[in-house]
Amino acid sequence: MGLRFLHFADLHLGVETYGRLDPQSGLNTRVQDFVYCLAAVVDLALRERVDLVLFAGDAYKTCDPEPTYQREFAQHLRRLRQAGIPVVLVVGNHDTPAAYGRATALDIFGVLELDNTHVIRRPQLLRIETRNGPLQVAGLPWPTRHSLRTRDEYKDLPQEALNQEIQGICAEQIAEFARTLDPRLPAVFTAHLAAAEATYSGSERTAVIGQDPVLLTSTLANPAFDYVALGHVHKHQDLHPQAAPSVVYAGSIERLNFGEEHDPKGCCLVHIETPPSGERRTTWEFASTPARRFLTIEAEIPRDAADPTACLLETIAAHQLEGAVVRLTYPQPGPDQAPVDLARVRAALAPTHHLAGILPRLVTPTRLRRATVDRELDLSQALDRYIDNLPELQGQRQTLQQYAGRLRQELETGERAEDLQP
């Protein structure tokens, strides 16, 4: 007997960067990209007939999403409900308002009390009945500072100290979940948080390091759970690959920027096998989504190139541009070279979905290590070292050495070596 569920996170519906208005739908084309990836995730859940879909937070770009974005998200949740698939939604930091007491972006789904739809906005242990048996889901939403700031003992703490308090509270909550579980039933821990050992994509690291409460993987990987489903970090990864339980960031399902250019995007299909006798066994696989391709073209222009523009056009022609968000970088041509014809370059880049930029980069001249000349060298050796430092003298080495020989002879004899003709 087995139970299967789908784990995904970090939808961030509402991102419009690198997009344009689609006149037919009225949506930004990048919003369409995110909806397209969401549809692919739901299609996979329906096709695989999973027992549950677990969303680990950050449904929208902001905590006050436009009604259009709410509509798109709700439509796909309805497809899961119509198929009888339970859904668990964890509140992430982008779903959480800055002011304590205000509703999160996901609260509406809980208030409506929709069948088989569970919103985790505070620590909660759920027992969910699925078509293949019950599943325990322990959920931890984004650990906000707002609620603690309302209490006298925490309101004046500096941010670092408050983060440490939050980390301790979260660790104790996870331990409490583990103590409360029914060991006879499969159990999953899900949370939207930062793990200390996680790796980040591009600019994401600078945005979160030092700002978020951080939990150790050893705290998250409590053996009472069969799988740990995380959200918040956009880079897909398993933080506990050599032992059970797996501690997995599903990653975002669509690329947000060039920092995620090379990252795979998708979701995780998880299978918890419960044999009639023996211990449960959990396996999972990553399933890719049709995320928009990002492409950085780093072109080179030789210093002796007569036509720098032609060099760029040749490099551009070697890449597949259709449907990609593209940026081009190239070295600034030297003062003795022709300038780049940007109009021709832009025309060559026209097939892209979006041209993010044509960016010249400053070339810093390489300083060659100079050969040293010391007192232990004779005149010929010293001259060789001197010529080694000046590339423009390489072709005159023999002639200069002949003059040096004449000079040495004059110094040694005190007479002019008239008969020596270099």
Protein backbone atom coordinates (compact mmCIF):
# COMPACT_ATOMS: atom_id res chain seq x y z
CA MET A 1 0.00 0.00 0.00
CA GLY A 2 1.29 3.46 -0.81
CA LEU A 3 0.38 7.10 -0.63
CA ARG A 4 1.51 9.71 -3.16
CA PHE A 5 1.47 13.47 -2.93
CA LEU A 6 2.81 16.45 -4.86
CA HIS A 7 4.97 19.09 -3.18
CA PHE A 8 5.51 22.52 -4.76
CA ALA A 9 6.22 26.05 -3.53
CA ASP A 10 7.07 29.65 -4.35
CA LEU A 11 4.65 30.41 -7.16
CA HIS A 12 5.05 34.20 -6.78
CA LEU A 13 2.13 34.93 -9.06
CA GLY A 14 2.18 38.62 -10.06
CA VAL A 15 5.81 38.98 -11.15
CA GLU A 16 5.82 41.04 -14.35
CA THR A 17 9.54 41.70 -14.81
CA TYR A 18 10.80 41.01 -18.37
CA GLY A 19 7.24 40.84 -19.70
CA ARG A 20 4.86 42.84 -21.84
CA LEU A 21 1.11 43.21 -22.11
CA ASP A 22 -0.69 40.48 -24.03
CA PRO A 23 -3.53 42.32 -25.81
CA GLN A 24 -5.68 39.20 -26.16
CA SER A 25 -5.80 38.23 -22.48
CA GLY A 26 -4.96 41.59 -20.89
CA LEU A 27 -2.31 39.82 -18.78
CA ASN A 28 1.38 40.52 -18.67
CA THR A 29 3.20 37.77 -20.56
CA ARG A 30 5.32 36.95 -17.52
CA VAL A 31 2.18 36.50 -15.41
CA GLN A 32 1.05 34.08 -18.10
CA ASP A 33 4.34 32.20 -17.69
CA PHE A 34 3.69 31.67 -13.98
CA VAL A 35 0.09 30.61 -14.59
CA TYR A 36 1.29 28.21 -17.30
CA CYS A 37 3.71 26.56 -14.86
CA LEU A 38 0.99 26.36 -12.20
CA ALA A 39 -1.29 24.68 -14.73
CA ALA A 40 1.48 22.19 -15.51
CA VAL A 41 1.82 21.33 -11.81
CA VAL A 42 -1.93 20.75 -11.45
CA ASP A 43 -2.00 18.74 -14.69
CA LEU A 44 0.71 16.49 -13.27
CA ALA A 45 -1.22 16.01 -10.02
CA LEU A 46 -4.33 15.02 -11.93
CA ARG A 47 -2.46 12.76 -14.34
CA GLU A 48 -0.65 10.95 -11.53
CA ARG A 49 -3.81 10.75 -9.41
CA VAL A 50 -1.97 11.92 -6.32
CA ASP A 51 -3.58 11.64 -2.91
CA LEU A 52 -2.73 15.20 -1.83
CA VAL A 53 -1.16 18.43 -3.07
CA LEU A 54 1.03 20.31 -0.61
CA PHE A 55 1.91 23.94 -1.36
CA ALA A 56 4.74 25.23 0.86
CA GLY A 57 4.08 28.95 0.64
CA ASP A 58 4.41 32.21 -1.34
CA ALA A 59 1.45 32.01 -3.69
CA TYR A 60 1.76 35.63 -4.80
CA LYS A 61 4.40 38.26 -5.32
CA THR A 62 2.88 40.41 -2.55
CA CYS A 63 0.49 39.92 0.36
CA ASP A 64 -2.21 42.03 -1.36
CA PRO A 65 -2.50 40.40 -4.80
CA GLU A 66 -4.67 41.81 -7.55
CA PRO A 67 -8.05 40.07 -7.98
CA THR A 68 -6.89 38.80 -11.37
CA TYR A 69 -4.04 36.87 -9.77
CA GLN A 70 -6.34 35.52 -7.06
CA ARG A 71 -8.73 34.34 -9.77
CA GLU A 72 -5.99 32.49 -11.65
CA PHE A 73 -4.77 30.74 -8.51
CA ALA A 74 -8.28 29.82 -7.36
CA GLN A 75 -9.21 28.36 -10.75
CA HIS A 76 -6.44 25.79 -10.52
CA LEU A 77 -7.21 24.97 -6.89
CA ARG A 78 -10.78 24.30 -8.01
CA ARG A 79 -9.51 21.73 -10.54
CA LEU A 80 -7.92 19.82 -7.66
CA ARG A 81 -11.05 20.03 -5.53
CA GLN A 82 -13.18 18.80 -8.42
CA ALA A 83 -10.90 15.76 -8.67
CA GLY A 84 -11.29 15.09 -4.95
CA ILE A 85 -7.63 15.82 -4.17
CA PRO A 86 -7.04 17.45 -0.77
CA VAL A 87 -4.87 20.59 -0.77
CA VAL A 88 -2.71 21.99 2.02
CA LEU A 89 -1.60 25.65 1.69
CA VAL A 90 1.16 26.98 3.94
CA VAL A 91 1.39 30.74 4.44
CA GLY A 92 4.74 32.13 3.26
CA ASN A 93 6.50 35.42 3.90
CA HIS A 94 5.19 36.97 0.67
CA ASP A 95 1.66 35.97 1.73
CA THR A 96 2.03 37.64 5.14
CA PRO A 97 1.18 41.33 5.71
CA ALA A 98 3.59 43.54 7.61
CA ALA A 99 1.03 44.48 10.27
CA TYR A 100 0.00 42.02 12.98
CA GLY A 101 -3.65 40.98 12.83
CA ARG A 102 -4.21 41.56 9.11
CA ALA A 103 -5.34 38.67 6.93
CA THR A 104 -2.81 36.78 4.84
CA ALA A 105 -3.19 36.36 1.10
CA LEU A 106 -4.32 32.73 1.62
CA ASP A 107 -6.82 33.28 4.44
CA ILE A 108 -9.76 33.54 2.04
CA PHE A 109 -9.46 29.84 1.19
CA GLY A 110 -9.72 28.94 4.88
CA VAL A 111 -12.60 31.32 5.58
CA LEU A 112 -14.65 29.79 2.76
CA GLU A 113 -14.28 26.38 4.48
CA LEU A 114 -13.84 24.62 1.19
CA ASP A 115 -13.87 20.84 1.35
CA ASN A 116 -10.41 19.27 1.38
CA THR A 117 -8.68 22.69 1.44
CA HIS A 118 -6.52 23.42 4.47
CA VAL A 119 -4.72 26.72 5.13
CA ILE A 120 -1.86 26.64 7.66
CA ARG A 121 -1.43 30.18 8.96
CA ARG A 122 -0.25 29.12 12.43
CA PRO A 123 1.52 25.95 13.65
CA GLN A 124 -0.92 23.11 13.16
CA LEU A 125 -1.05 19.31 13.00
CA LEU A 126 -3.61 17.95 10.55
CA ARG A 127 -4.88 14.45 9.93
CA ILE A 128 -6.04 14.34 6.32
CA GLU A 129 -8.09 11.46 4.96
CA THR A 130 -7.03 10.54 1.43
CA ARG A 131 -8.24 7.81 -0.90
CA ASN A 132 -5.23 5.72 0.11
CA GLY A 133 -5.47 6.26 3.82
CA PRO A 134 -4.78 8.98 6.40
CA LEU A 135 -1.75 11.28 6.28
CA GLN A 136 -0.50 13.43 9.15
CA VAL A 137 0.68 16.88 8.06
CA ALA A 138 2.50 19.06 10.57
CA GLY A 139 2.65 22.61 9.24
CA LEU A 140 4.71 25.65 10.18
CA PRO A 141 3.98 28.93 8.36
CA TRP A 142 6.51 31.71 7.89
CA PRO A 143 7.73 32.65 11.39
CA THR A 144 6.86 36.33 11.56
CA ARG A 145 8.21 38.78 14.10
CA HIS A 146 4.98 40.75 14.30
CA SER A 147 3.19 38.59 16.85
CA LEU A 148 6.22 38.47 19.16
CA ARG A 149 6.65 42.24 18.95
CA THR A 150 3.21 42.64 20.54
CA ARG A 151 4.51 41.00 23.74
CA ASP A 152 6.42 43.06 26.30
CA GLU A 153 9.32 40.63 26.68
CA TYR A 154 10.11 40.77 22.95
CA LYS A 155 9.12 44.22 21.75
CA ASP A 156 12.48 45.91 22.46
CA LEU A 157 14.78 43.10 21.34
CA PRO A 158 17.16 43.83 18.44
CA GLN A 159 16.44 41.90 15.26
CA GLU A 160 19.25 39.36 15.70
CA ALA A 161 18.14 38.49 19.22
CA LEU A 162 14.51 38.24 18.09
CA ASN A 163 15.53 35.89 15.29
CA GLN A 164 17.25 33.66 17.84
CA GLU A 165 14.08 33.60 19.93
CA ILE A 166 12.05 32.65 16.87
CA GLN A 167 14.50 29.89 15.97
CA GLY A 168 14.16 28.42 19.46
CA ILE A 169 10.35 28.60 19.36
CA CYS A 170 10.26 26.92 15.95
CA ALA A 171 12.63 24.15 17.05
CA GLU A 172 10.47 23.43 20.08
CA GLN A 173 7.33 23.42 17.93
CA ILE A 174 8.86 20.86 15.55
CA ALA A 175 9.84 18.67 18.49
CA GLU A 176 6.30 18.97 19.87
CA PHE A 177 4.86 17.90 16.51
CA ALA A 178 7.12 14.85 16.54
CA ARG A 179 6.00 13.89 20.07
CA THR A 180 2.32 14.22 19.13
CA LEU A 181 2.39 12.12 15.94
CA ASP A 182 0.79 8.71 15.69
CA PRO A 183 3.79 6.57 14.69
CA ARG A 184 1.53 4.06 12.96
CA LEU A 185 0.55 6.60 10.29
CA PRO A 186 2.69 8.33 7.64
CA ALA A 187 3.65 11.88 8.55
CA VAL A 188 4.98 14.91 6.68
CA PHE A 189 6.41 18.12 8.05
CA THR A 190 5.94 21.19 5.87
CA ALA A 191 7.16 24.73 6.46
CA HIS A 192 8.08 27.99 4.80
CA LEU A 193 11.42 28.98 6.30
CA ALA A 194 15.17 29.33 5.76
CA ALA A 195 17.47 26.39 6.52
CA ALA A 196 21.06 27.11 7.48
CA GLU A 197 22.61 24.71 4.96
CA ALA A 198 20.52 25.81 1.97
CA THR A 199 22.15 27.25 -1.15
CA TYR A 200 20.60 30.19 -2.92
CA SER A 201 20.20 31.44 -6.46
CA GLY A 202 21.92 34.70 -7.44
CA SER A 203 20.51 37.79 -5.78
CA GLU A 204 18.21 35.72 -3.56
CA ARG A 205 21.08 35.07 -1.14
CA THR A 206 21.82 38.73 -0.46
CA ALA A 207 18.12 39.37 0.10
CA VAL A 208 17.68 36.81 2.88
CA ILE A 209 21.01 36.27 4.62
CA GLY A 210 21.06 38.08 7.93
CA GLN A 211 17.36 38.97 7.70
CA ASP A 212 15.54 35.66 8.24
CA PRO A 213 15.33 33.32 11.19
CA VAL A 214 17.39 30.26 10.21
CA LEU A 215 16.91 26.65 11.36
CA LEU A 216 19.48 23.86 11.22
CA THR A 217 18.80 20.92 8.94
CA SER A 218 19.34 18.64 11.94
CA THR A 219 16.35 20.32 13.59
CA LEU A 220 14.16 19.89 10.52
CA ALA A 221 15.18 16.28 9.80
CA ASN A 222 13.31 14.80 12.75
CA PRO A 223 13.08 11.01 12.19
CA ALA A 224 9.43 11.05 13.27
CA PHE A 225 8.59 12.44 9.80
CA ASP A 226 8.65 10.52 6.55
CA TYR A 227 9.37 13.62 4.43
CA VAL A 228 10.06 17.32 5.03
CA ALA A 229 8.53 19.64 2.41
CA LEU A 230 9.97 23.16 2.44
CA GLY A 231 9.32 26.44 0.69
CA HIS A 232 11.07 29.85 0.63
CA VAL A 233 14.39 29.04 -1.11
CA HIS A 234 13.99 29.11 -4.90
CA LYS A 235 16.78 26.65 -5.67
CA HIS A 236 15.62 23.02 -5.69
CA GLN A 237 17.69 20.88 -3.32
CA ASP A 238 17.67 18.04 -0.81
CA LEU A 239 19.42 19.12 2.40
CA HIS A 240 19.46 15.60 3.88
CA PRO A 241 20.25 13.29 0.95
CA GLN A 242 22.12 10.51 2.73
CA ALA A 243 19.55 9.70 5.38
CA ALA A 244 15.85 9.77 6.17
CA PRO A 245 13.85 11.87 6.14
CA SER A 246 14.62 13.86 2.99
CA VAL A 247 14.54 17.62 3.67
CA VAL A 248 13.56 19.09 0.31
CA TYR A 249 13.12 22.56 -1.10
CA ALA A 250 10.96 22.06 -4.18
CA GLY A 251 12.20 25.43 -5.45
CA SER A 252 10.17 27.95 -7.40
CA ILE A 253 8.20 26.68 -10.40
CA GLU A 254 9.20 29.59 -12.70
CA ARG A 255 12.36 31.68 -13.00
CA LEU A 256 12.20 35.12 -11.45
CA ASN A 257 15.46 36.61 -12.74
CA PHE A 258 18.87 35.87 -14.25
CA GLY A 259 20.15 34.63 -10.91
CA GLU A 260 18.00 31.54 -11.56
CA GLU A 261 19.10 31.19 -15.19
CA HIS A 262 20.66 27.75 -14.78
CA ASP A 263 18.39 26.33 -12.05
CA PRO A 264 15.90 23.57 -12.84
CA LYS A 265 12.32 24.52 -12.02
CA GLY A 266 9.53 22.20 -11.00
CA CYS A 267 7.90 20.24 -8.20
CA CYS A 268 8.33 16.95 -6.33
CA LEU A 269 6.30 13.75 -6.53
CA VAL A 270 6.58 11.90 -3.22
CA HIS A 271 5.68 8.26 -2.56
CA ILE A 272 5.35 6.92 0.98
CA GLU A 273 5.17 3.15 0.82
CA THR A 274 3.57 1.39 3.78
CA PRO A 275 4.19 -2.37 3.58
CA PRO A 276 2.02 -4.77 5.60
CA SER A 277 5.02 -5.35 7.83
CA GLY A 278 8.21 -3.42 8.33
CA GLU A 279 9.15 0.26 8.24
CA ARG A 280 7.71 2.80 5.84
CA ARG A 281 9.88 3.79 2.90
CA THR A 282 9.78 7.21 1.21
CA THR A 283 10.98 7.99 -2.31
CA TRP A 284 10.60 11.13 -4.36
CA GLU A 285 11.37 12.48 -7.81
CA PHE A 286 11.70 15.97 -9.27
CA ALA A 287 9.37 16.88 -12.15
CA SER A 288 10.25 19.88 -14.31
CA THR A 289 7.85 22.65 -15.26
CA PRO A 290 7.93 24.52 -18.62
CA ALA A 291 9.70 27.54 -17.13
CA ARG A 292 10.74 30.47 -19.32
CA ARG A 293 14.33 30.19 -20.52
CA PHE A 294 16.80 32.90 -19.46
CA LEU A 295 19.96 33.34 -21.52
CA THR A 296 23.09 35.43 -20.98
CA ILE A 297 25.26 35.79 -24.09
CA GLU A 298 28.81 36.75 -23.17
CA ALA A 299 30.34 37.85 -26.47
CA GLU A 300 34.00 38.53 -27.13
CA ILE A 301 35.59 41.05 -29.54
CA PRO A 302 39.24 40.43 -30.45
CA ARG A 303 41.45 43.48 -29.97
CA ASP A 304 42.41 43.39 -33.65
CA ALA A 305 38.84 42.97 -34.97
CA ALA A 306 38.14 45.45 -37.77
CA ASP A 307 34.35 45.10 -37.36
CA PRO A 308 33.24 44.57 -33.72
CA THR A 309 29.58 44.53 -34.75
CA ALA A 310 30.18 41.58 -37.07
CA CYS A 311 31.77 39.69 -34.16
CA LEU A 312 28.67 40.25 -32.02
CA LEU A 313 26.30 39.22 -34.80
CA GLU A 314 28.23 35.98 -35.32
CA THR A 315 28.02 35.17 -31.61
CA ILE A 316 24.29 35.96 -31.46
CA ALA A 317 23.60 33.73 -34.47
CA ALA A 318 25.04 30.74 -32.60
CA HIS A 319 22.31 30.90 -29.90
CA GLN A 320 18.66 29.87 -29.86
CA LEU A 321 16.83 33.11 -29.03
CA GLU A 322 13.16 32.29 -29.60
CA GLY A 323 11.10 32.48 -26.43
CA ALA A 324 14.01 33.41 -24.17
CA VAL A 325 14.66 36.40 -21.93
CA VAL A 326 18.09 37.48 -23.18
CA ARG A 327 20.86 39.83 -22.16
CA LEU A 328 24.04 40.42 -24.14
CA THR A 329 27.37 41.52 -22.74
CA TYR A 330 30.45 42.42 -24.79
CA PRO A 331 33.83 44.09 -24.18
CA GLN A 332 33.98 47.79 -24.94
CA PRO A 333 35.84 48.16 -28.28
CA GLY A 334 39.26 49.78 -28.08
CA PRO A 335 39.91 53.40 -29.14
CA ASP A 336 41.30 52.23 -32.48
CA GLN A 337 38.26 50.06 -33.28
CA ALA A 338 34.94 50.97 -34.88
CA PRO A 339 32.00 51.46 -32.46
CA VAL A 340 29.31 48.80 -32.14
CA ASP A 341 26.25 49.38 -34.34
CA LEU A 342 23.55 48.88 -31.71
CA ALA A 343 20.73 49.06 -34.26
CA ARG A 344 22.10 46.00 -36.09
CA VAL A 345 22.63 44.18 -32.81
CA ARG A 346 19.07 44.89 -31.64
CA ALA A 347 17.71 43.65 -34.96
CA ALA A 348 19.62 40.39 -34.54
CA LEU A 349 18.15 39.99 -31.04
CA ALA A 350 14.57 40.67 -32.18
CA PRO A 351 13.42 37.00 -31.92
CA THR A 352 13.79 37.04 -28.12
CA HIS A 353 10.74 37.08 -25.88
CA HIS A 354 12.29 40.00 -24.04
CA LEU A 355 15.62 41.77 -24.47
CA ALA A 356 16.82 42.56 -20.96
CA GLY A 357 19.83 44.58 -22.03
CA ILE A 358 22.86 45.09 -24.27
CA LEU A 359 25.62 45.72 -21.79
CA PRO A 360 29.18 46.77 -22.69
CA ARG A 361 31.71 45.69 -20.12
CA LEU A 362 34.87 47.56 -19.30
CA VAL A 363 38.04 45.64 -20.07
CA THR A 364 40.83 46.14 -17.55
CA PRO A 365 44.22 45.80 -19.25
CA THR A 366 46.16 42.82 -17.98
CA ARG A 367 49.36 43.84 -16.26
CA LEU A 368 52.13 41.47 -17.28
CA ARG A 369 54.54 40.29 -14.64
CA ARG A 370 57.80 42.07 -15.39
CA ALA A 371 61.06 40.13 -15.63
CA THR A 372 63.43 41.32 -12.91
CA VAL A 373 66.94 42.63 -13.55
CA ASP A 374 69.46 42.24 -10.73
CA ARG A 375 73.15 42.92 -10.13
CA GLU A 376 74.18 39.28 -10.62
CA LEU A 377 73.39 39.36 -14.37
CA ASP A 378 75.95 40.28 -17.00
CA LEU A 379 75.14 42.90 -19.62
CA SER A 380 73.77 40.43 -22.18
CA GLN A 381 71.52 38.71 -19.63
CA ALA A 382 70.29 42.01 -18.24
CA LEU A 383 69.43 43.22 -21.74
CA ASP A 384 67.50 40.01 -22.42
CA ARG A 385 65.41 40.56 -19.28
CA TYR A 386 64.77 44.17 -20.29
CA ILE A 387 63.59 43.12 -23.77
CA ASP A 388 61.32 40.46 -22.20
CA ASN A 389 59.44 43.31 -20.48
CA LEU A 390 58.85 45.23 -23.73
CA PRO A 391 57.05 43.22 -26.41
CA GLU A 392 57.71 45.93 -29.02
CA LEU A 393 61.47 45.22 -28.81
CA GLN A 394 61.22 41.47 -29.41
CA GLY A 395 62.04 41.77 -33.12
CA GLN A 396 65.14 43.86 -32.41
CA ARG A 397 66.72 41.54 -29.83
CA GLN A 398 69.66 40.47 -32.07
CA THR A 399 70.56 44.02 -33.11
CA LEU A 400 70.42 45.29 -29.54
CA GLN A 401 72.59 42.44 -28.36
CA GLN A 402 75.18 43.35 -31.04
CA TYR A 403 75.30 46.93 -29.75
CA ALA A 404 75.60 45.61 -26.21
CA GLY A 405 78.54 43.44 -27.27
CA ARG A 406 80.27 46.47 -28.81
CA LEU A 407 79.67 48.49 -25.65
CA ARG A 408 81.04 45.71 -23.47
CA GLN A 409 84.19 45.47 -25.66
CA GLU A 410 84.80 49.23 -25.41
CA LEU A 411 84.37 49.11 -21.64
CA GLU A 412 86.78 46.23 -21.28
CA THR A 413 89.56 47.56 -23.61
CA GLY A 414 89.07 51.28 -23.26
CA GLU A 415 89.12 51.55 -27.03
CA ARG A 416 86.37 52.08 -29.53
CA ALA A 417 85.57 48.94 -31.49
CA GLU A 418 85.34 50.68 -34.84
CA ASP A 419 85.58 47.46 -36.74
CA LEU A 420 82.43 46.02 -35.12
CA GLN A 421 79.51 46.78 -37.42
CA PRO A 422 76.17 45.71 -36.07
